[in-house]
């Protein structure tokens, strides 16, 4: 019988971690890789029976790779603290790790915003993989490398993406600074093309190509804020280049 390890990266997620852990209680081990939380996340995870690793955060790939080295399961599921595995997804996961034809599986994530799930704003991300020479690369948009084919699971993962408008804007701003600093270190420049075309395309992609307009006002709001996040990133690159930050 195949075994499953779950890896959950955390930083100050005490209000979310318990429900996340309970949703994957069927796993053989749950590893929490914590970036020295100050709100009791580590202690909560230990009380829930998780294996807790602590590591100072430098980038997303390094955090997850550190946890992978400690995973003993035949398969690994990567979960964020604000995500939940539903009962249907649980049974699908248990089925594919025993009888699946692929080395990894993408899971669909509808965004949650303004108290509803946006089923036309869905990300498909590789999260369930065989524990065989897997590793992440990339500082921001980390990529999981898997040997073999990738399938797609039918059932959704619940993802409480944003706690509210303030949290969403704060998250976008923090992420934009991280992306900007990473881009500058790699020698990337910001141009007027980036400032004007990139945000427009992000809005067009989210609202039109991915049919965000079918999610009503929440779809419009999220597409607009995503475009703002892209604009903010390139403004911050300019600020860093000019020594203003």
Protein backbone atom coordinates (compact mmCIF):
# COMPACT_ATOMS: atom_id res chain seq x y z
CA UNK A 1 0.00 0.00 0.00
CA UNK A 2 1.41 3.40 -1.03
CA UNK A 3 2.16 5.96 1.68
CA UNK A 4 1.58 9.70 1.55
CA UNK A 5 3.52 12.61 3.04
CA UNK A 6 1.99 16.09 3.17
CA UNK A 7 4.23 19.17 3.24
CA UNK A 8 2.81 22.47 4.54
CA UNK A 9 4.99 25.64 4.46
CA UNK A 10 3.96 28.15 7.14
CA UNK A 11 4.64 31.57 8.60
CA UNK A 12 2.21 32.94 11.20
CA UNK A 13 -0.70 30.71 10.18
CA UNK A 14 -2.03 29.76 13.62
CA UNK A 15 -5.62 30.61 12.63
CA UNK A 16 -5.47 28.37 9.55
CA UNK A 17 -3.16 25.47 10.33
CA UNK A 18 -5.55 23.30 12.35
CA UNK A 19 -8.18 23.01 9.62
CA UNK A 20 -5.49 22.40 7.01
CA UNK A 21 -3.98 19.55 9.06
CA UNK A 22 -7.36 18.00 9.82
CA UNK A 23 -8.24 17.98 6.11
CA UNK A 24 -5.22 15.73 5.41
CA UNK A 25 -5.48 13.55 8.52
CA UNK A 26 -5.61 10.52 6.19
CA UNK A 27 -1.92 11.04 5.27
CA UNK A 28 0.82 8.88 6.78
CA UNK A 29 2.84 11.92 7.84
CA UNK A 30 2.37 15.68 7.85
CA UNK A 31 5.46 17.87 7.71
CA UNK A 32 5.20 21.56 8.56
CA UNK A 33 8.15 23.62 7.34
CA UNK A 34 7.92 26.81 9.38
CA UNK A 35 9.77 30.10 8.86
CA UNK A 36 10.07 30.86 12.59
CA UNK A 37 6.48 31.96 13.18
CA UNK A 38 5.82 34.24 16.12
CA UNK A 39 2.10 33.55 16.59
CA UNK A 40 2.18 29.99 17.92
CA UNK A 41 1.95 28.18 14.56
CA UNK A 42 4.83 25.85 15.45
CA UNK A 43 3.36 24.89 18.83
CA UNK A 44 -0.08 24.33 17.28
CA UNK A 45 1.36 22.08 14.59
CA UNK A 46 3.28 20.03 17.17
CA UNK A 47 0.11 19.64 19.24
CA UNK A 48 -1.68 18.35 16.13
CA UNK A 49 0.95 15.63 15.70
CA UNK A 50 2.86 17.14 12.79
CA UNK A 51 6.57 16.78 12.20
CA UNK A 52 7.80 20.39 12.41
CA UNK A 53 10.93 21.68 10.71
CA UNK A 54 12.15 25.26 11.17
CA UNK A 55 14.14 27.12 8.56
CA UNK A 56 14.75 30.80 7.94
CA UNK A 57 12.90 31.79 4.77
CA UNK A 58 15.00 32.72 1.74
CA UNK A 59 12.77 31.56 -1.10
CA UNK A 60 9.85 29.22 -1.69
CA UNK A 61 11.83 26.55 -3.54
CA UNK A 62 14.48 26.17 -0.84
CA UNK A 63 11.84 25.85 1.89
CA UNK A 64 10.00 23.07 0.11
CA UNK A 65 13.18 21.27 -0.99
CA UNK A 66 14.32 21.22 2.64
CA UNK A 67 11.06 19.54 3.65
CA UNK A 68 11.17 17.06 0.75
CA UNK A 69 14.45 15.68 2.13
CA UNK A 70 12.56 14.64 5.29
CA UNK A 71 9.52 13.14 3.54
CA UNK A 72 9.31 9.35 3.87
CA UNK A 73 6.11 8.71 1.89
CA UNK A 74 5.92 7.13 -1.56
CA UNK A 75 3.95 10.19 -2.63
CA UNK A 76 4.07 13.84 -1.56
CA UNK A 77 1.17 16.30 -1.45
CA UNK A 78 2.05 20.00 -1.15
CA UNK A 79 -0.53 22.01 0.77
CA UNK A 80 -0.68 25.64 1.92
CA UNK A 81 -2.13 26.51 5.32
CA UNK A 82 -5.14 28.27 3.76
CA UNK A 83 -6.05 25.25 1.63
CA UNK A 84 -8.33 22.33 2.43
CA UNK A 85 -8.66 18.85 0.93
CA UNK A 86 -12.33 17.97 0.48
CA UNK A 87 -13.71 14.48 1.05
CA UNK A 88 -14.09 13.91 -2.70
CA UNK A 89 -10.53 15.04 -3.35
CA UNK A 90 -9.30 12.86 -0.49
CA UNK A 91 -10.76 9.72 -2.04
CA UNK A 92 -9.45 10.67 -5.48
CA UNK A 93 -5.95 11.17 -4.04
CA UNK A 94 -6.06 7.80 -2.27
CA UNK A 95 -7.20 6.16 -5.50
CA UNK A 96 -4.53 7.62 -7.78
CA UNK A 97 -1.60 6.93 -5.45
CA UNK A 98 -2.58 3.26 -5.65
CA UNK A 99 -3.84 2.93 -9.21
CA UNK A 100 -2.87 6.13 -11.05
CA UNK A 101 -1.04 6.07 -14.38
CA UNK A 102 0.99 9.24 -13.86
CA UNK A 103 3.97 10.34 -11.78
CA UNK A 104 2.23 13.52 -10.67
CA UNK A 105 -1.12 15.27 -10.70
CA UNK A 106 -2.32 18.83 -11.04
CA UNK A 107 -5.10 20.01 -8.74
CA UNK A 108 -7.62 22.73 -9.62
CA UNK A 109 -7.89 25.72 -7.28
CA UNK A 110 -10.87 28.07 -7.66
CA UNK A 111 -10.12 31.42 -6.01
CA UNK A 112 -12.18 32.47 -2.98
CA UNK A 113 -13.04 36.17 -2.86
CA UNK A 114 -15.93 38.26 -1.52
CA UNK A 115 -17.38 35.20 0.23
CA UNK A 116 -17.67 33.03 -2.87
CA UNK A 117 -15.60 30.67 -4.96
CA UNK A 118 -14.74 31.98 -8.41
CA UNK A 119 -14.97 28.92 -10.60
CA UNK A 120 -13.85 30.84 -13.67
CA UNK A 121 -10.67 31.90 -11.88
CA UNK A 122 -9.10 28.47 -11.52
CA UNK A 123 -5.42 27.65 -11.22
CA UNK A 124 -4.16 24.15 -12.10
CA UNK A 125 -1.03 23.39 -10.12
CA UNK A 126 1.07 20.22 -9.77
CA UNK A 127 0.75 19.33 -6.09
CA UNK A 128 0.60 15.53 -5.82
CA UNK A 129 3.74 13.69 -6.98
CA UNK A 130 5.69 10.49 -6.55
CA UNK A 131 8.57 10.98 -4.13
CA UNK A 132 11.22 10.23 -6.72
CA UNK A 133 13.90 12.86 -7.45
CA UNK A 134 11.43 15.72 -7.10
CA UNK A 135 12.66 19.24 -6.49
CA UNK A 136 11.66 22.88 -6.89
CA UNK A 137 13.48 25.63 -8.76
CA UNK A 138 12.77 29.37 -8.91
CA UNK A 139 12.64 32.01 -6.20
CA UNK A 140 9.10 33.33 -6.70
CA UNK A 141 7.10 31.30 -9.21
CA UNK A 142 8.65 28.04 -8.08
CA UNK A 143 8.44 25.09 -10.47
CA UNK A 144 8.15 21.49 -9.32
CA UNK A 145 10.25 19.10 -11.40
CA UNK A 146 8.86 15.57 -11.73
CA UNK A 147 10.16 12.57 -13.65
CA UNK A 148 7.28 11.22 -15.74
CA UNK A 149 3.85 12.28 -16.97
CA UNK A 150 1.42 14.62 -15.22
CA UNK A 151 -2.33 14.08 -14.98
CA UNK A 152 -5.14 16.30 -13.64
CA UNK A 153 -7.43 15.42 -10.75
CA UNK A 154 -11.15 16.03 -11.22
CA UNK A 155 -12.00 17.39 -7.79
CA UNK A 156 -11.24 20.90 -6.55
CA UNK A 157 -9.02 21.95 -3.67
CA UNK A 158 -10.63 24.52 -1.39
CA UNK A 159 -8.39 27.58 -1.22
CA UNK A 160 -9.30 30.52 1.00
CA UNK A 161 -7.16 32.76 -1.15
CA UNK A 162 -7.85 36.14 0.42
CA UNK A 163 -9.10 37.04 3.92
CA UNK A 164 -10.50 40.37 2.70
CA UNK A 165 -9.70 43.40 0.55
CA UNK A 166 -7.06 44.77 2.94
CA UNK A 167 -5.36 41.38 3.19
CA UNK A 168 -5.45 41.01 -0.61
CA UNK A 169 -3.83 44.41 -1.21
CA UNK A 170 -1.28 43.79 1.53
CA UNK A 171 -0.46 40.41 0.02
CA UNK A 172 -0.09 41.89 -3.46
CA UNK A 173 2.19 44.65 -2.16
CA UNK A 174 4.40 42.27 -0.20
CA UNK A 175 4.62 39.86 -3.13
CA UNK A 176 5.41 42.73 -5.52
CA UNK A 177 8.37 43.82 -3.37
CA UNK A 178 9.67 40.25 -3.25
CA UNK A 179 9.35 39.85 -7.03
CA UNK A 180 10.92 43.27 -7.66
CA UNK A 181 13.97 42.55 -5.50
CA UNK A 182 14.41 39.15 -7.13
CA UNK A 183 14.13 40.66 -10.63
CA UNK A 184 16.69 43.40 -9.88
CA UNK A 185 19.16 40.82 -8.52
CA UNK A 186 18.82 38.97 -11.83
CA UNK A 187 19.55 42.16 -13.77
CA UNK A 188 16.03 42.65 -15.12
CA UNK A 189 14.88 46.17 -16.00
CA UNK A 190 11.45 47.84 -15.94
CA UNK A 191 10.32 49.71 -19.07
CA UNK A 192 7.22 51.65 -20.08
CA UNK A 193 6.15 48.48 -21.90
CA UNK A 194 6.12 46.65 -18.58
CA UNK A 195 4.32 49.49 -16.79
CA UNK A 196 1.46 49.78 -19.26
CA UNK A 197 1.12 46.65 -21.37
CA UNK A 198 1.78 43.98 -18.72
CA UNK A 199 -0.95 45.16 -16.29
CA UNK A 200 -3.41 45.54 -19.18
CA UNK A 201 -2.69 42.03 -20.39
CA UNK A 202 -3.07 40.60 -16.89
CA UNK A 203 -6.52 42.19 -16.64
CA UNK A 204 -7.49 41.03 -20.14
CA UNK A 205 -6.28 37.50 -19.45
CA UNK A 206 -8.06 37.24 -16.08
CA UNK A 207 -11.31 38.93 -17.04
CA UNK A 208 -11.75 37.96 -20.70
CA UNK A 209 -9.61 34.97 -21.67
CA UNK A 210 -10.22 33.10 -18.40
CA UNK A 211 -13.87 34.27 -18.32
CA UNK A 212 -13.62 36.13 -15.05
CA UNK A 213 -16.57 38.24 -16.24
CA UNK A 214 -18.78 35.22 -15.54
CA UNK A 215 -18.00 35.56 -11.83
CA UNK A 216 -19.73 38.95 -11.64
CA UNK A 217 -18.43 41.80 -9.49
CA UNK A 218 -15.92 39.58 -7.60
CA UNK A 219 -14.43 38.53 -10.95
CA UNK A 220 -14.07 42.16 -12.05
CA UNK A 221 -12.58 43.21 -8.71
CA UNK A 222 -10.05 40.38 -8.68
CA UNK A 223 -8.96 40.98 -12.29
CA UNK A 224 -8.43 44.67 -11.49
CA UNK A 225 -6.43 43.98 -8.35
CA UNK A 226 -4.30 41.39 -10.16
CA UNK A 227 -3.51 44.01 -12.80
CA UNK A 228 -2.59 46.45 -10.02
CA UNK A 229 -0.24 43.81 -8.56
CA UNK A 230 1.64 43.57 -11.86
CA UNK A 231 1.83 47.37 -12.18
CA UNK A 232 3.05 47.65 -8.59
CA UNK A 233 5.85 45.14 -9.22
CA UNK A 234 7.35 47.17 -12.08
CA UNK A 235 6.98 50.47 -10.22
CA UNK A 236 8.94 48.92 -7.35
CA UNK A 237 11.65 47.74 -9.75
CA UNK A 238 12.03 51.36 -10.95
CA UNK A 239 12.20 52.58 -7.36
CA UNK A 240 14.94 50.07 -6.53
CA UNK A 241 16.87 50.94 -9.70
CA UNK A 242 16.77 54.65 -8.81
CA UNK A 243 17.84 53.96 -5.23
CA UNK A 244 14.56 55.26 -3.80
CA UNK A 245 13.91 52.07 -1.81
